[in-house]
N, C-alpha and C. Protein backbone atom coordinates (compact mmCIF):
# COMPACT_ATOMS: atom_id res chain seq x y z
N UNK A 1 15.82 3.81 -87.91
CA UNK A 1 14.61 4.13 -88.64
C UNK A 1 13.41 3.34 -88.12
N UNK A 2 13.64 2.10 -87.70
CA UNK A 2 12.55 1.28 -87.21
C UNK A 2 11.95 1.86 -85.93
N UNK A 3 12.80 2.46 -85.08
CA UNK A 3 12.31 3.06 -83.84
C UNK A 3 11.37 4.22 -84.15
N UNK A 4 11.69 5.00 -85.17
CA UNK A 4 10.82 6.13 -85.56
C UNK A 4 9.44 5.62 -85.98
N UNK A 5 9.39 4.55 -86.75
CA UNK A 5 8.11 3.99 -87.17
C UNK A 5 7.30 3.51 -85.98
N UNK A 6 7.98 2.94 -84.98
CA UNK A 6 7.29 2.46 -83.79
C UNK A 6 6.63 3.62 -83.04
N UNK A 7 7.36 4.74 -82.91
CA UNK A 7 6.80 5.89 -82.21
C UNK A 7 5.63 6.51 -82.99
N UNK A 8 5.75 6.55 -84.29
CA UNK A 8 4.66 7.10 -85.11
C UNK A 8 3.42 6.22 -84.98
N UNK A 9 3.60 4.91 -84.99
CA UNK A 9 2.47 3.99 -84.84
C UNK A 9 1.80 4.19 -83.49
N UNK A 10 2.57 4.29 -82.44
CA UNK A 10 2.00 4.48 -81.11
C UNK A 10 1.28 5.81 -81.00
N UNK A 11 1.85 6.84 -81.58
CA UNK A 11 1.22 8.15 -81.55
C UNK A 11 -0.11 8.15 -82.31
N UNK A 12 -0.13 7.50 -83.46
CA UNK A 12 -1.37 7.43 -84.24
C UNK A 12 -2.45 6.65 -83.50
N UNK A 13 -2.09 5.54 -82.89
CA UNK A 13 -3.08 4.75 -82.17
C UNK A 13 -3.59 5.50 -80.94
N UNK A 14 -2.72 6.22 -80.26
CA UNK A 14 -3.16 7.03 -79.13
C UNK A 14 -4.16 8.09 -79.58
N UNK A 15 -3.89 8.72 -80.70
CA UNK A 15 -4.80 9.72 -81.25
C UNK A 15 -6.16 9.11 -81.58
N UNK A 16 -6.15 7.93 -82.17
CA UNK A 16 -7.40 7.25 -82.52
C UNK A 16 -8.22 6.96 -81.27
N UNK A 17 -7.56 6.44 -80.23
CA UNK A 17 -8.27 6.11 -78.99
C UNK A 17 -8.85 7.37 -78.36
N UNK A 18 -8.06 8.42 -78.28
CA UNK A 18 -8.54 9.65 -77.64
C UNK A 18 -9.66 10.30 -78.44
N UNK A 19 -9.59 10.25 -79.75
CA UNK A 19 -10.67 10.85 -80.53
C UNK A 19 -11.94 10.02 -80.45
N UNK A 20 -11.81 8.71 -80.34
CA UNK A 20 -12.99 7.85 -80.23
C UNK A 20 -13.68 8.02 -78.89
N UNK A 21 -12.92 8.23 -77.85
CA UNK A 21 -13.49 8.39 -76.52
C UNK A 21 -14.30 9.68 -76.44
N UNK A 22 -13.94 10.67 -77.23
CA UNK A 22 -14.62 11.96 -77.19
C UNK A 22 -15.98 11.98 -77.88
N UNK A 23 -16.39 10.90 -78.48
CA UNK A 23 -17.68 10.87 -79.19
C UNK A 23 -18.81 10.62 -78.19
N UNK A 24 -19.54 11.66 -77.88
CA UNK A 24 -20.59 11.53 -76.86
C UNK A 24 -21.86 10.88 -77.40
N UNK A 25 -22.04 10.86 -78.70
CA UNK A 25 -23.27 10.28 -79.25
C UNK A 25 -23.19 8.77 -79.42
N UNK A 26 -22.05 8.18 -79.12
CA UNK A 26 -21.90 6.74 -79.27
C UNK A 26 -22.52 6.01 -78.07
N UNK A 27 -23.04 4.82 -78.34
CA UNK A 27 -23.56 4.02 -77.24
C UNK A 27 -22.39 3.44 -76.45
N UNK A 28 -22.69 2.90 -75.29
CA UNK A 28 -21.63 2.31 -74.46
C UNK A 28 -20.95 1.15 -75.19
N UNK A 29 -21.73 0.38 -75.93
CA UNK A 29 -21.16 -0.75 -76.67
C UNK A 29 -20.23 -0.27 -77.78
N UNK A 30 -20.63 0.80 -78.48
CA UNK A 30 -19.78 1.37 -79.52
C UNK A 30 -18.47 1.91 -78.94
N UNK A 31 -18.58 2.56 -77.79
CA UNK A 31 -17.37 3.09 -77.14
C UNK A 31 -16.45 1.95 -76.73
N UNK A 32 -17.01 0.89 -76.18
CA UNK A 32 -16.18 -0.25 -75.79
C UNK A 32 -15.51 -0.88 -77.01
N UNK A 33 -16.21 -0.94 -78.12
CA UNK A 33 -15.62 -1.48 -79.35
C UNK A 33 -14.46 -0.62 -79.83
N UNK A 34 -14.65 0.69 -79.84
CA UNK A 34 -13.60 1.61 -80.29
C UNK A 34 -12.39 1.57 -79.35
N UNK A 35 -12.65 1.57 -78.07
CA UNK A 35 -11.54 1.51 -77.10
C UNK A 35 -10.81 0.19 -77.22
N UNK A 36 -11.54 -0.89 -77.36
CA UNK A 36 -10.91 -2.20 -77.53
C UNK A 36 -10.05 -2.26 -78.78
N UNK A 37 -10.54 -1.67 -79.87
CA UNK A 37 -9.77 -1.65 -81.11
C UNK A 37 -8.50 -0.82 -80.95
N UNK A 38 -8.60 0.30 -80.28
CA UNK A 38 -7.42 1.14 -80.06
C UNK A 38 -6.38 0.46 -79.19
N UNK A 39 -6.83 -0.09 -78.09
CA UNK A 39 -5.91 -0.78 -77.17
C UNK A 39 -5.32 -2.02 -77.85
N UNK A 40 -6.15 -2.75 -78.57
CA UNK A 40 -5.66 -3.93 -79.28
C UNK A 40 -4.65 -3.57 -80.36
N UNK A 41 -4.87 -2.48 -81.05
CA UNK A 41 -3.93 -2.03 -82.07
C UNK A 41 -2.59 -1.66 -81.49
N UNK A 42 -2.61 -0.95 -80.37
CA UNK A 42 -1.36 -0.58 -79.70
C UNK A 42 -0.66 -1.83 -79.19
N UNK A 43 -1.40 -2.72 -78.58
CA UNK A 43 -0.80 -3.96 -78.07
C UNK A 43 -0.22 -4.80 -79.21
N UNK A 44 -0.94 -4.89 -80.32
CA UNK A 44 -0.44 -5.63 -81.47
C UNK A 44 0.83 -5.02 -82.03
N UNK A 45 0.89 -3.69 -82.07
CA UNK A 45 2.09 -3.01 -82.56
C UNK A 45 3.28 -3.25 -81.64
N UNK A 46 3.03 -3.20 -80.35
CA UNK A 46 4.11 -3.40 -79.38
C UNK A 46 4.61 -4.85 -79.44
N UNK A 47 3.70 -5.79 -79.48
CA UNK A 47 4.09 -7.20 -79.47
C UNK A 47 4.80 -7.64 -80.74
N UNK A 48 4.50 -7.00 -81.87
CA UNK A 48 5.11 -7.41 -83.14
C UNK A 48 6.20 -6.45 -83.60
N UNK A 49 6.59 -5.53 -82.76
CA UNK A 49 7.66 -4.60 -83.13
C UNK A 49 7.24 -3.56 -84.15
N UNK A 50 6.00 -3.17 -84.17
CA UNK A 50 5.52 -2.13 -85.08
C UNK A 50 5.05 -2.65 -86.42
N UNK A 51 4.84 -3.94 -86.54
CA UNK A 51 4.37 -4.53 -87.79
C UNK A 51 2.95 -4.04 -88.09
N UNK A 52 2.71 -3.69 -89.34
CA UNK A 52 1.37 -3.24 -89.74
C UNK A 52 0.35 -4.36 -89.57
N UNK A 53 0.75 -5.58 -89.93
CA UNK A 53 -0.16 -6.71 -89.78
C UNK A 53 -0.50 -6.95 -88.31
N UNK A 54 0.49 -6.84 -87.44
CA UNK A 54 0.24 -7.01 -86.01
C UNK A 54 -0.66 -5.93 -85.45
N UNK A 55 -0.49 -4.70 -85.94
CA UNK A 55 -1.32 -3.58 -85.48
C UNK A 55 -2.77 -3.78 -85.91
N UNK A 56 -2.97 -4.12 -87.16
CA UNK A 56 -4.33 -4.33 -87.67
C UNK A 56 -4.98 -5.55 -87.01
N UNK A 57 -4.20 -6.61 -86.87
CA UNK A 57 -4.73 -7.81 -86.21
C UNK A 57 -5.11 -7.55 -84.77
N UNK A 58 -4.27 -6.81 -84.06
CA UNK A 58 -4.57 -6.46 -82.67
C UNK A 58 -5.80 -5.59 -82.56
N UNK A 59 -5.94 -4.66 -83.51
CA UNK A 59 -7.12 -3.79 -83.50
C UNK A 59 -8.40 -4.59 -83.76
N UNK A 60 -8.32 -5.54 -84.67
CA UNK A 60 -9.49 -6.36 -84.97
C UNK A 60 -9.89 -7.21 -83.76
N UNK A 61 -8.92 -7.86 -83.16
CA UNK A 61 -9.21 -8.70 -81.99
C UNK A 61 -9.70 -7.85 -80.83
N UNK A 62 -9.05 -6.72 -80.60
CA UNK A 62 -9.48 -5.82 -79.52
C UNK A 62 -10.88 -5.28 -79.74
N UNK A 63 -11.22 -4.97 -80.99
CA UNK A 63 -12.56 -4.48 -81.29
C UNK A 63 -13.63 -5.52 -81.02
N UNK A 64 -13.35 -6.76 -81.36
CA UNK A 64 -14.30 -7.84 -81.11
C UNK A 64 -14.47 -8.04 -79.61
N UNK A 65 -13.36 -8.05 -78.87
CA UNK A 65 -13.44 -8.23 -77.42
C UNK A 65 -14.20 -7.07 -76.79
N UNK A 66 -13.90 -5.84 -77.20
CA UNK A 66 -14.61 -4.69 -76.66
C UNK A 66 -16.10 -4.73 -76.96
N UNK A 67 -16.44 -5.19 -78.15
CA UNK A 67 -17.84 -5.31 -78.53
C UNK A 67 -18.57 -6.34 -77.66
N UNK A 68 -17.93 -7.47 -77.41
CA UNK A 68 -18.57 -8.51 -76.62
C UNK A 68 -18.68 -8.12 -75.15
N UNK A 69 -17.71 -7.37 -74.65
CA UNK A 69 -17.79 -6.89 -73.27
C UNK A 69 -18.93 -5.90 -73.13
N UNK A 70 -19.20 -5.14 -74.19
CA UNK A 70 -20.25 -4.13 -74.15
C UNK A 70 -21.67 -4.66 -74.22
N UNK A 71 -21.86 -5.96 -74.31
CA UNK A 71 -23.21 -6.52 -74.40
C UNK A 71 -24.01 -6.27 -73.15
């Protein structure tokens, strides 16, 4: 059952990243923030074995990093 949750988490994060990239009205900094949050969320989920806290924490850290890179 845990493997199923991991795949669902990865699928959801992939969907979030792909839908965020498709927003043409976003500035470059906004896009970098969204991409960073998506990548960070996936990385957090992978590193913590699909933990919700790890996914949210990774998304938060990734969003901050993406935002700062976009300056």
